[in-house]
Amino acid sequence: AASGFRSTAPNASTLPSVQTAQAVPAAGPAATGAANGANDMVTAQRALSSLGYYQGPTDGSPSPALRLALSAYQHDQGLPASGAPDQATVTRLAAYVR
């Protein structure tokens, strides 16, 4: 056995306190004010994909890539670049998926 080494268990009183995180809802359709939820997300995904803004899945789920694509499209269209599938954005995008 090596001299000078002493194995001990951590002492709870010397450890830093850890705060537990609270769950935060994802920025999905309800959180972003989209009228038709997943249908609006799929419309946005399909249209943005056909326009070259988005390369992700068309599954109706929000993602960082979709938010970036929405924000870029909104900016290019002179809309407030929120990255959210709001009604004005979805209405414009719907013309590309019919």
PDB file of N, CA and C in Angstrom:
ATOM      1  N   ALA A   1       0.834  -1.183   0.000  1.00  0.00           N
ATOM      2  CA  ALA A   1       0.000   0.000   0.000  1.00  0.00           C
ATOM      3  C   ALA A   1       0.877   1.243   0.000  1.00  0.00           C
ATOM      4  N   ALA A   2       0.429   2.237  -0.709  1.00  0.00           N
ATOM      5  CA  ALA A   2       1.186   3.481  -0.791  1.00  0.00           C
ATOM      6  C   ALA A   2       1.026   4.251   0.499  1.00  0.00           C
ATOM      7  N   SER A   3       2.133   4.715   1.006  1.00  0.00           N
ATOM      8  CA  SER A   3       2.036   5.506   2.228  1.00  0.00           C
ATOM      9  C   SER A   3       1.636   6.930   1.884  1.00  0.00           C
ATOM     10  N   GLY A   4       0.874   7.544   2.714  1.00  0.00           N
ATOM     11  CA  GLY A   4       0.448   8.911   2.495  1.00  0.00           C
ATOM     12  C   GLY A   4      -0.908   9.029   1.804  1.00  0.00           C
ATOM     13  N   PHE A   5      -1.443   7.944   1.258  1.00  0.00           N
ATOM     14  CA  PHE A   5      -2.755   7.997   0.607  1.00  0.00           C
ATOM     15  C   PHE A   5      -3.804   7.489   1.564  1.00  0.00           C
ATOM     16  N   ARG A   6      -4.838   8.270   1.748  1.00  0.00           N
ATOM     17  CA  ARG A   6      -5.910   7.874   2.652  1.00  0.00           C
ATOM     18  C   ARG A   6      -7.239   8.065   1.948  1.00  0.00           C
ATOM     19  N   SER A   7      -7.954   7.010   1.689  1.00  0.00           N
ATOM     20  CA  SER A   7      -9.239   7.065   1.003  1.00  0.00           C
ATOM     21  C   SER A   7     -10.317   7.494   1.988  1.00  0.00           C
ATOM     22  N   THR A   8     -11.084   8.529   1.604  1.00  0.00           N
ATOM     23  CA  THR A   8     -12.195   8.965   2.449  1.00  0.00           C
ATOM     24  C   THR A   8     -13.405   9.253   1.585  1.00  0.00           C
ATOM     25  N   ALA A   9     -14.556   9.130   2.151  1.00  0.00           N
ATOM     26  CA  ALA A   9     -15.795   9.462   1.459  1.00  0.00           C
ATOM     27  C   ALA A   9     -15.988  10.975   1.519  1.00  0.00           C
ATOM     28  N   PRO A  10     -16.646  11.558   0.504  1.00  0.00           N
ATOM     29  CA  PRO A  10     -16.890  13.007   0.544  1.00  0.00           C
ATOM     30  C   PRO A  10     -17.738  13.390   1.747  1.00  0.00           C
ATOM     31  N   ASN A  11     -17.454  14.515   2.312  1.00  0.00           N
ATOM     32  CA  ASN A  11     -18.196  15.036   3.441  1.00  0.00           C
ATOM     33  C   ASN A  11     -19.246  16.009   2.901  1.00  0.00           C
ATOM     34  N   ALA A  12     -20.508  15.728   3.125  1.00  0.00           N
ATOM     35  CA  ALA A  12     -21.595  16.552   2.594  1.00  0.00           C
ATOM     36  C   ALA A  12     -21.501  18.002   3.055  1.00  0.00           C
ATOM     37  N   SER A  13     -20.943  18.248   4.212  1.00  0.00           N
ATOM     38  CA  SER A  13     -20.875  19.623   4.713  1.00  0.00           C
ATOM     39  C   SER A  13     -19.817  20.453   3.976  1.00  0.00           C
ATOM     40  N   THR A  14     -18.879  19.803   3.278  1.00  0.00           N
ATOM     41  CA  THR A  14     -17.860  20.552   2.556  1.00  0.00           C
ATOM     42  C   THR A  14     -18.158  20.688   1.070  1.00  0.00           C
ATOM     43  N   LEU A  15     -19.182  20.006   0.587  1.00  0.00           N
ATOM     44  CA  LEU A  15     -19.536  20.086  -0.826  1.00  0.00           C
ATOM     45  C   LEU A  15     -20.350  21.341  -1.093  1.00  0.00           C
ATOM     46  N   PRO A  16     -20.191  21.954  -2.282  1.00  0.00           N
ATOM     47  CA  PRO A  16     -21.008  23.133  -2.602  1.00  0.00           C
ATOM     48  C   PRO A  16     -22.468  22.719  -2.767  1.00  0.00           C
ATOM     49  N   SER A  17     -23.372  23.618  -2.409  1.00  0.00           N
ATOM     50  CA  SER A  17     -24.790  23.298  -2.573  1.00  0.00           C
ATOM     51  C   SER A  17     -25.146  23.366  -4.055  1.00  0.00           C
ATOM     52  N   VAL A  18     -26.053  22.516  -4.452  1.00  0.00           N
ATOM     53  CA  VAL A  18     -26.462  22.439  -5.851  1.00  0.00           C
ATOM     54  C   VAL A  18     -27.948  22.753  -5.941  1.00  0.00           C
ATOM     55  N   GLN A  19     -28.281  23.686  -6.799  1.00  0.00           N
ATOM     56  CA  GLN A  19     -29.680  24.032  -7.034  1.00  0.00           C
ATOM     57  C   GLN A  19     -30.243  23.097  -8.100  1.00  0.00           C
ATOM     58  N   THR A  20     -31.440  22.595  -7.912  1.00  0.00           N
ATOM     59  CA  THR A  20     -32.047  21.766  -8.950  1.00  0.00           C
ATOM     60  C   THR A  20     -32.782  22.668  -9.926  1.00  0.00           C
ATOM     61  N   ALA A  21     -32.644  22.354 -11.200  1.00  0.00           N
ATOM     62  CA  ALA A  21     -33.265  23.163 -12.249  1.00  0.00           C
ATOM     63  C   ALA A  21     -34.750  22.856 -12.349  1.00  0.00           C
ATOM     64  N   GLN A  22     -35.527  23.862 -12.641  1.00  0.00           N
ATOM     65  CA  GLN A  22     -36.952  23.688 -12.880  1.00  0.00           C
ATOM     66  C   GLN A  22     -37.180  23.417 -14.355  1.00  0.00           C
ATOM     67  N   ALA A  23     -38.099  22.544 -14.658  1.00  0.00           N
ATOM     68  CA  ALA A  23     -38.409  22.248 -16.057  1.00  0.00           C
ATOM     69  C   ALA A  23     -39.027  23.477 -16.710  1.00  0.00           C
ATOM     70  N   VAL A  24     -38.567  23.789 -17.892  1.00  0.00           N
ATOM     71  CA  VAL A  24     -39.081  24.913 -18.657  1.00  0.00           C
ATOM     72  C   VAL A  24     -39.718  24.349 -19.913  1.00  0.00           C
ATOM     73  N   PRO A  25     -40.963  24.706 -20.224  1.00  0.00           N
ATOM     74  CA  PRO A  25     -41.591  24.157 -21.432  1.00  0.00           C
ATOM     75  C   PRO A  25     -40.833  24.569 -22.689  1.00  0.00           C
ATOM     76  N   ALA A  26     -40.803  23.678 -23.644  1.00  0.00           N
ATOM     77  CA  ALA A  26     -40.155  23.971 -24.927  1.00  0.00           C
ATOM     78  C   ALA A  26     -40.897  25.087 -25.629  1.00  0.00           C
ATOM     79  N   ALA A  27     -40.217  25.782 -26.491  1.00  0.00           N
ATOM     80  CA  ALA A  27     -40.829  26.870 -27.249  1.00  0.00           C
ATOM     81  C   ALA A  27     -41.604  26.294 -28.419  1.00  0.00           C
ATOM     82  N   GLY A  28     -42.638  25.565 -28.088  1.00  0.00           N
ATOM     83  CA  GLY A  28     -43.467  24.925 -29.103  1.00  0.00           C
ATOM     84  C   GLY A  28     -44.569  25.851 -29.566  1.00  0.00           C
ATOM     85  N   PRO A  29     -45.508  25.324 -30.321  1.00  0.00           N
ATOM     86  CA  PRO A  29     -46.582  26.139 -30.880  1.00  0.00           C
ATOM     87  C   PRO A  29     -47.369  26.906 -29.828  1.00  0.00           C
ATOM     88  N   ALA A  30     -47.681  26.287 -28.689  1.00  0.00           N
ATOM     89  CA  ALA A  30     -48.461  26.987 -27.672  1.00  0.00           C
ATOM     90  C   ALA A  30     -47.663  28.151 -27.094  1.00  0.00           C
ATOM     91  N   ALA A  31     -46.361  27.951 -26.932  1.00  0.00           N
ATOM     92  CA  ALA A  31     -45.523  28.993 -26.348  1.00  0.00           C
ATOM     93  C   ALA A  31     -45.252  30.123 -27.329  1.00  0.00           C
ATOM     94  N   THR A  32     -45.362  29.850 -28.619  1.00  0.00           N
ATOM     95  CA  THR A  32     -45.011  30.868 -29.605  1.00  0.00           C
ATOM     96  C   THR A  32     -46.228  31.574 -30.190  1.00  0.00           C
ATOM     97  N   GLY A  33     -47.440  31.153 -29.806  1.00  0.00           N
ATOM     98  CA  GLY A  33     -48.630  31.815 -30.295  1.00  0.00           C
ATOM     99  C   GLY A  33     -49.094  31.328 -31.655  1.00  0.00           C
ATOM    100  N   ALA A  34     -48.625  30.199 -32.124  1.00  0.00           N
ATOM    101  CA  ALA A  34     -49.062  29.672 -33.411  1.00  0.00           C
ATOM    102  C   ALA A  34     -50.501  29.195 -33.298  1.00  0.00           C
ATOM    103  N   ALA A  35     -51.290  29.468 -34.312  1.00  0.00           N
ATOM    104  CA  ALA A  35     -52.717  29.169 -34.249  1.00  0.00           C
ATOM    105  C   ALA A  35     -53.029  27.688 -34.334  1.00  0.00           C
ATOM    106  N   ASN A  36     -52.400  26.953 -35.241  1.00  0.00           N
ATOM    107  CA  ASN A  36     -52.754  25.559 -35.445  1.00  0.00           C
ATOM    108  C   ASN A  36     -51.683  24.582 -34.997  1.00  0.00           C
ATOM    109  N   GLY A  37     -50.798  24.971 -34.141  1.00  0.00           N
ATOM    110  CA  GLY A  37     -49.834  24.076 -33.537  1.00  0.00           C
ATOM    111  C   GLY A  37     -48.966  23.312 -34.512  1.00  0.00           C
ATOM    112  N   ALA A  38     -49.046  21.980 -34.436  1.00  0.00           N
ATOM    113  CA  ALA A  38     -48.179  21.120 -35.248  1.00  0.00           C
ATOM    114  C   ALA A  38     -48.414  21.314 -36.740  1.00  0.00           C
ATOM    115  N   ASN A  39     -49.659  21.600 -37.153  1.00  0.00           N
ATOM    116  CA  ASN A  39     -49.924  21.831 -38.579  1.00  0.00           C
ATOM    117  C   ASN A  39     -49.157  23.043 -39.082  1.00  0.00           C
ATOM    118  N   ASP A  40     -49.108  24.114 -38.282  1.00  0.00           N
ATOM    119  CA  ASP A  40     -48.348  25.303 -38.664  1.00  0.00           C
ATOM    120  C   ASP A  40     -46.862  25.001 -38.704  1.00  0.00           C
ATOM    121  N   MET A  41     -46.391  24.171 -37.777  1.00  0.00           N
ATOM    122  CA  MET A  41     -44.976  23.808 -37.768  1.00  0.00           C
ATOM    123  C   MET A  41     -44.613  23.027 -39.023  1.00  0.00           C
ATOM    124  N   VAL A  42     -45.451  22.071 -39.404  1.00  0.00           N
ATOM    125  CA  VAL A  42     -45.186  21.276 -40.609  1.00  0.00           C
ATOM    126  C   VAL A  42     -45.230  22.173 -41.841  1.00  0.00           C
ATOM    127  N   THR A  43     -46.207  23.082 -41.903  1.00  0.00           N
ATOM    128  CA  THR A  43     -46.286  24.031 -43.021  1.00  0.00           C
ATOM    129  C   THR A  43     -45.001  24.841 -43.103  1.00  0.00           C
ATOM    130  N   ALA A  44     -44.550  25.364 -41.954  1.00  0.00           N
ATOM    131  CA  ALA A  44     -43.325  26.158 -41.925  1.00  0.00           C
ATOM    132  C   ALA A  44     -42.129  25.313 -42.348  1.00  0.00           C
ATOM    133  N   GLN A  45     -42.038  24.098 -41.833  1.00  0.00           N
ATOM    134  CA  GLN A  45     -40.903  23.238 -42.173  1.00  0.00           C
ATOM    135  C   GLN A  45     -40.868  22.920 -43.665  1.00  0.00           C
ATOM    136  N   ARG A  46     -42.005  22.558 -44.225  1.00  0.00           N
ATOM    137  CA  ARG A  46     -42.054  22.216 -45.658  1.00  0.00           C
ATOM    138  C   ARG A  46     -41.717  23.416 -46.536  1.00  0.00           C
ATOM    139  N   ALA A  47     -42.323  24.563 -46.232  1.00  0.00           N
ATOM    140  CA  ALA A  47     -42.092  25.756 -47.049  1.00  0.00           C
ATOM    141  C   ALA A  47     -40.646  26.232 -46.929  1.00  0.00           C
ATOM    142  N   LEU A  48     -40.151  26.297 -45.703  1.00  0.00           N
ATOM    143  CA  LEU A  48     -38.773  26.761 -45.511  1.00  0.00           C
ATOM    144  C   LEU A  48     -37.774  25.802 -46.150  1.00  0.00           C
ATOM    145  N   SER A  49     -38.111  24.527 -46.164  1.00  0.00           N
ATOM    146  CA  SER A  49     -37.258  23.540 -46.827  1.00  0.00           C
ATOM    147  C   SER A  49     -37.236  23.769 -48.334  1.00  0.00           C
ATOM    148  N   SER A  50     -38.414  23.987 -48.915  1.00  0.00           N
ATOM    149  CA  SER A  50     -38.477  24.201 -50.364  1.00  0.00           C
ATOM    150  C   SER A  50     -37.823  25.518 -50.772  1.00  0.00           C
ATOM    151  N   LEU A  51     -37.778  26.475 -49.856  1.00  0.00           N
ATOM    152  CA  LEU A  51     -37.141  27.769 -50.137  1.00  0.00           C
ATOM    153  C   LEU A  51     -35.652  27.770 -49.815  1.00  0.00           C
ATOM    154  N   GLY A  52     -35.139  26.684 -49.238  1.00  0.00           N
ATOM    155  CA  GLY A  52     -33.722  26.572 -48.930  1.00  0.00           C
ATOM    156  C   GLY A  52     -33.297  27.119 -47.580  1.00  0.00           C
ATOM    157  N   TYR A  53     -34.241  27.462 -46.728  1.00  0.00           N
ATOM    158  CA  TYR A  53     -33.912  27.995 -45.409  1.00  0.00           C
ATOM    159  C   TYR A  53     -33.707  26.894 -44.368  1.00  0.00           C
ATOM    160  N   TYR A  54     -34.288  25.723 -44.582  1.00  0.00           N
ATOM    161  CA  TYR A  54     -34.345  24.683 -43.554  1.00  0.00           C
ATOM    162  C   TYR A  54     -34.031  23.332 -44.165  1.00  0.00           C
ATOM    163  N   GLN A  55     -33.185  22.553 -43.502  1.00  0.00           N
ATOM    164  CA  GLN A  55     -32.832  21.230 -43.998  1.00  0.00           C
ATOM    165  C   GLN A  55     -33.187  20.117 -43.015  1.00  0.00           C
ATOM    166  N   GLY A  56     -33.995  20.400 -42.018  1.00  0.00           N
ATOM    167  CA  GLY A  56     -34.327  19.401 -41.001  1.00  0.00           C
ATOM    168  C   GLY A  56     -35.556  18.591 -41.355  1.00  0.00           C
ATOM    169  N   PRO A  57     -36.015  17.778 -40.406  1.00  0.00           N
ATOM    170  CA  PRO A  57     -37.184  16.939 -40.632  1.00  0.00           C
ATOM    171  C   PRO A  57     -38.477  17.754 -40.677  1.00  0.00           C
ATOM    172  N   THR A  58     -39.481  17.218 -41.353  1.00  0.00           N
ATOM    173  CA  THR A  58     -40.806  17.857 -41.385  1.00  0.00           C
ATOM    174  C   THR A  58     -41.737  17.043 -40.493  1.00  0.00           C
ATOM    175  N   ASP A  59     -41.474  17.112 -39.199  1.00  0.00           N
ATOM    176  CA  ASP A  59     -42.209  16.317 -38.225  1.00  0.00           C
ATOM    177  C   ASP A  59     -43.106  17.143 -37.308  1.00  0.00           C
ATOM    178  N   GLY A  60     -43.152  18.447 -37.509  1.00  0.00           N
ATOM    179  CA  GLY A  60     -44.004  19.299 -36.680  1.00  0.00           C
ATOM    180  C   GLY A  60     -43.407  19.659 -35.335  1.00  0.00           C
ATOM    181  N   SER A  61     -42.170  19.267 -35.090  1.00  0.00           N
ATOM    182  CA  SER A  61     -41.518  19.554 -33.810  1.00  0.00           C
ATOM    183  C   SER A  61     -40.621  20.776 -33.922  1.00  0.00           C
ATOM    184  N   PRO A  62     -40.651  21.649 -32.910  1.00  0.00           N
ATOM    185  CA  PRO A  62     -39.761  22.807 -32.933  1.00  0.00           C
ATOM    186  C   PRO A  62     -38.313  22.360 -32.718  1.00  0.00           C
ATOM    187  N   SER A  63     -37.389  23.128 -33.248  1.00  0.00           N
ATOM    188  CA  SER A  63     -35.968  22.833 -33.068  1.00  0.00           C
ATOM    189  C   SER A  63     -35.186  24.130 -33.225  1.00  0.00           C
ATOM    190  N   PRO A  64     -33.951  24.150 -32.757  1.00  0.00           N
ATOM    191  CA  PRO A  64     -33.122  25.340 -32.962  1.00  0.00           C
ATOM    192  C   PRO A  64     -32.943  25.659 -34.448  1.00  0.00           C
ATOM    193  N   ALA A  65     -32.793  24.634 -35.279  1.00  0.00           N
ATOM    194  CA  ALA A  65     -32.623  24.854 -36.725  1.00  0.00           C
ATOM    195  C   ALA A  65     -33.867  25.499 -37.327  1.00  0.00           C
ATOM    196  N   LEU A  66     -35.043  25.072 -36.880  1.00  0.00           N
ATOM    197  CA  LEU A  66     -36.295  25.658 -37.397  1.00  0.00           C
ATOM    198  C   LEU A  66     -36.412  27.111 -36.950  1.00  0.00           C
ATOM    199  N   ARG A  67     -36.076  27.394 -35.697  1.00  0.00           N
ATOM    200  CA  ARG A  67     -36.140  28.780 -35.217  1.00  0.00           C
ATOM    201  C   ARG A  67     -35.201  29.687 -36.011  1.00  0.00           C
ATOM    202  N   LEU A  68     -34.008  29.195 -36.315  1.00  0.00           N
ATOM    203  CA  LEU A  68     -33.068  29.985 -37.121  1.00  0.00           C
ATOM    204  C   LEU A  68     -33.598  30.200 -38.531  1.00  0.00           C
ATOM    205  N   ALA A  69     -34.173  29.164 -39.115  1.00  0.00           N
ATOM    206  CA  ALA A  69     -34.737  29.279 -40.464  1.00  0.00           C
ATOM    207  C   ALA A  69     -35.895  30.267 -40.482  1.00  0.00           C
ATOM    208  N   LEU A  70     -36.777  30.173 -39.495  1.00  0.00           N
ATOM    209  CA  LEU A  70     -37.903  31.109 -39.404  1.00  0.00           C
ATOM    210  C   LEU A  70     -37.399  32.544 -39.256  1.00  0.00           C
ATOM    211  N   SER A  71     -36.419  32.739 -38.393  1.00  0.00           N
ATOM    212  CA  SER A  71     -35.883  34.074 -38.161  1.00  0.00           C
ATOM    213  C   SER A  71     -35.265  34.652 -39.435  1.00  0.00           C
ATOM    214  N   ALA A  72     -34.508  33.836 -40.165  1.00  0.00           N
ATOM    215  CA  ALA A  72     -33.897  34.303 -41.422  1.00  0.00           C
ATOM    216  C   ALA A  72     -34.965  34.655 -42.449  1.00  0.00           C
ATOM    217  N   TYR A  73     -35.990  33.803 -42.582  1.00  0.00           N
ATOM    218  CA  TYR A  73     -37.079  34.066 -43.525  1.00  0.00           C
ATOM    219  C   TYR A  73     -37.812  35.352 -43.133  1.00  0.00           C
ATOM    220  N   GLN A  74     -38.148  35.479 -41.849  1.00  0.00           N
ATOM    221  CA  GLN A  74     -38.847  36.672 -41.383  1.00  0.00           C
ATOM    222  C   GLN A  74     -38.024  37.926 -41.673  1.00  0.00           C
ATOM    223  N   HIS A  75     -36.742  37.874 -41.411  1.00  0.00           N
ATOM    224  CA  HIS A  75     -35.868  39.024 -41.680  1.00  0.00           C
ATOM    225  C   HIS A  75     -35.897  39.386 -43.161  1.00  0.00           C
ATOM    226  N   ASP A  76     -35.750  38.366 -44.006  1.00  0.00           N
ATOM    227  CA  ASP A  76     -35.743  38.601 -45.451  1.00  0.00           C
ATOM    228  C   ASP A  76     -37.071  39.133 -45.969  1.00  0.00           C
ATOM    229  N   GLN A  77     -38.151  38.824 -45.293  1.00  0.00           N
ATOM    230  CA  GLN A  77     -39.479  39.273 -45.703  1.00  0.00           C
ATOM    231  C   GLN A  77     -39.899  40.586 -45.043  1.00  0.00           C
ATOM    232  N   GLY A  78     -39.040  41.156 -44.219  1.00  0.00           N
ATOM    233  CA  GLY A  78     -39.376  42.410 -43.543  1.00  0.00           C
ATOM    234  C   GLY A  78     -40.337  42.227 -42.381  1.00  0.00           C
ATOM    235  N   LEU A  79     -40.441  41.009 -41.875  1.00  0.00           N
ATOM    236  CA  LEU A  79     -41.284  40.727 -40.708  1.00  0.00           C
ATOM    237  C   LEU A  79     -40.427  40.804 -39.451  1.00  0.00           C
ATOM    238  N   PRO A  80     -41.050  40.980 -38.288  1.00  0.00           N
ATOM    239  CA  PRO A  80     -40.263  40.918 -37.054  1.00  0.00           C
ATOM    240  C   PRO A  80     -39.599  39.540 -36.946  1.00  0.00           C
ATOM    241  N   ALA A  81     -38.287  39.508 -36.823  1.00  0.00           N
ATOM    242  CA  ALA A  81     -37.533  38.250 -36.822  1.00  0.00           C
ATOM    243  C   ALA A  81     -37.530  37.615 -35.440  1.00  0.00           C
ATOM    244  N   SER A  82     -38.673  37.034 -35.067  1.00  0.00           N
ATOM    245  CA  SER A  82     -38.811  36.413 -33.752  1.00  0.00           C
ATOM    246  C   SER A  82     -38.376  34.956 -33.739  1.00  0.00           C
ATOM    247  N   GLY A  83     -38.360  34.313 -34.898  1.00  0.00           N
ATOM    248  CA  GLY A  83     -38.053  32.891 -34.952  1.00  0.00           C
ATOM    249  C   GLY A  83     -39.230  32.020 -34.576  1.00  0.00           C
ATOM    250  N   ALA A  84     -40.377  32.642 -34.347  1.00  0.00           N
ATOM    251  CA  ALA A  84     -41.593  31.918 -33.976  1.00  0.00           C
ATOM    252  C   ALA A  84     -42.513  31.789 -35.189  1.00  0.00           C
ATOM    253  N   PRO A  85     -43.233  30.674 -35.288  1.00  0.00           N
ATOM    254  CA  PRO A  85     -44.169  30.504 -36.408  1.00  0.00           C
ATOM    255  C   PRO A  85     -45.476  31.256 -36.162  1.00  0.00           C
ATOM    256  N   ASP A  86     -45.397  32.586 -36.139  1.00  0.00           N
ATOM    257  CA  ASP A  86     -46.591  33.391 -35.897  1.00  0.00           C
ATOM    258  C   ASP A  86     -47.501  33.350 -37.124  1.00  0.00           C
ATOM    259  N   GLN A  87     -48.704  33.856 -36.962  1.00  0.00           N
ATOM    260  CA  GLN A  87     -49.706  33.744 -38.020  1.00  0.00           C
ATOM    261  C   GLN A  87     -49.298  34.450 -39.311  1.00  0.00           C
ATOM    262  N   ALA A  88     -48.683  35.616 -39.217  1.00  0.00           N
ATOM    263  CA  ALA A  88     -48.257  36.344 -40.427  1.00  0.00           C
ATOM    264  C   ALA A  88     -47.225  35.538 -41.208  1.00  0.00           C
ATOM    265  N   THR A  89     -46.295  34.925 -40.499  1.00  0.00           N
ATOM    266  CA  THR A  89     -45.256  34.134 -41.153  1.00  0.00           C
ATOM    267  C   THR A  89     -45.835  32.878 -41.775  1.00  0.00           C
ATOM    268  N   VAL A  90     -46.663  32.163 -41.019  1.00  0.00           N
ATOM    269  CA  VAL A  90     -47.251  30.908 -41.512  1.00  0.00           C
ATOM    270  C   VAL A  90     -48.152  31.182 -42.712  1.00  0.00           C
ATOM    271  N   THR A  91     -48.877  32.295 -42.692  1.00  0.00           N
ATOM    272  CA  THR A  91     -49.739  32.644 -43.830  1.00  0.00           C
ATOM    273  C   THR A  91     -48.907  32.838 -45.082  1.00  0.00           C
ATOM    274  N   ARG A  92     -47.800  33.533 -44.984  1.00  0.00           N
ATOM    275  CA  ARG A  92     -46.919  33.715 -46.146  1.00  0.00           C
ATOM    276  C   ARG A  92     -46.302  32.410 -46.603  1.00  0.00           C
ATOM    277  N   LEU A  93     -45.883  31.593 -45.653  1.00  0.00           N
ATOM    278  CA  LEU A  93     -45.244  30.327 -46.008  1.00  0.00           C
ATOM    279  C   LEU A  93     -46.220  29.330 -46.625  1.00  0.00           C
ATOM    280  N   ALA A  94     -47.498  29.404 -46.229  1.00  0.00           N
ATOM    281  CA  ALA A  94     -48.505  28.457 -46.734  1.00  0.00           C
ATOM    282  C   ALA A  94     -48.626  28.500 -48.246  1.00  0.00           C
ATOM    283  N   ALA A  95     -48.334  29.637 -48.863  1.00  0.00           N
ATOM    284  CA  ALA A  95     -48.411  29.757 -50.317  1.00  0.00           C
ATOM    285  C   ALA A  95     -47.402  28.858 -51.006  1.00  0.00           C
ATOM    286  N   TYR A  96     -46.348  28.444 -50.317  1.00  0.00           N
ATOM    287  CA  TYR A  96     -45.304  27.613 -50.924  1.00  0.00           C
ATOM    288  C   TYR A  96     -45.526  26.106 -50.762  1.00  0.00           C
ATOM    289  N   VAL A  97     -46.563  25.720 -50.045  1.00  0.00           N
ATOM    290  CA  VAL A  97     -46.800  24.288 -49.830  1.00  0.00           C
ATOM    291  C   VAL A  97     -48.137  23.810 -50.400  1.00  0.00           C
ATOM    292  N   ARG A  98     -48.830  24.661 -51.114  1.00  0.00           N
ATOM    293  CA  ARG A  98     -50.123  24.243 -51.674  1.00  0.00           C
ATOM    294  C   ARG A  98     -49.954  23.602 -53.009  1.00  0.00           C
TER     295      ARG A  98
END
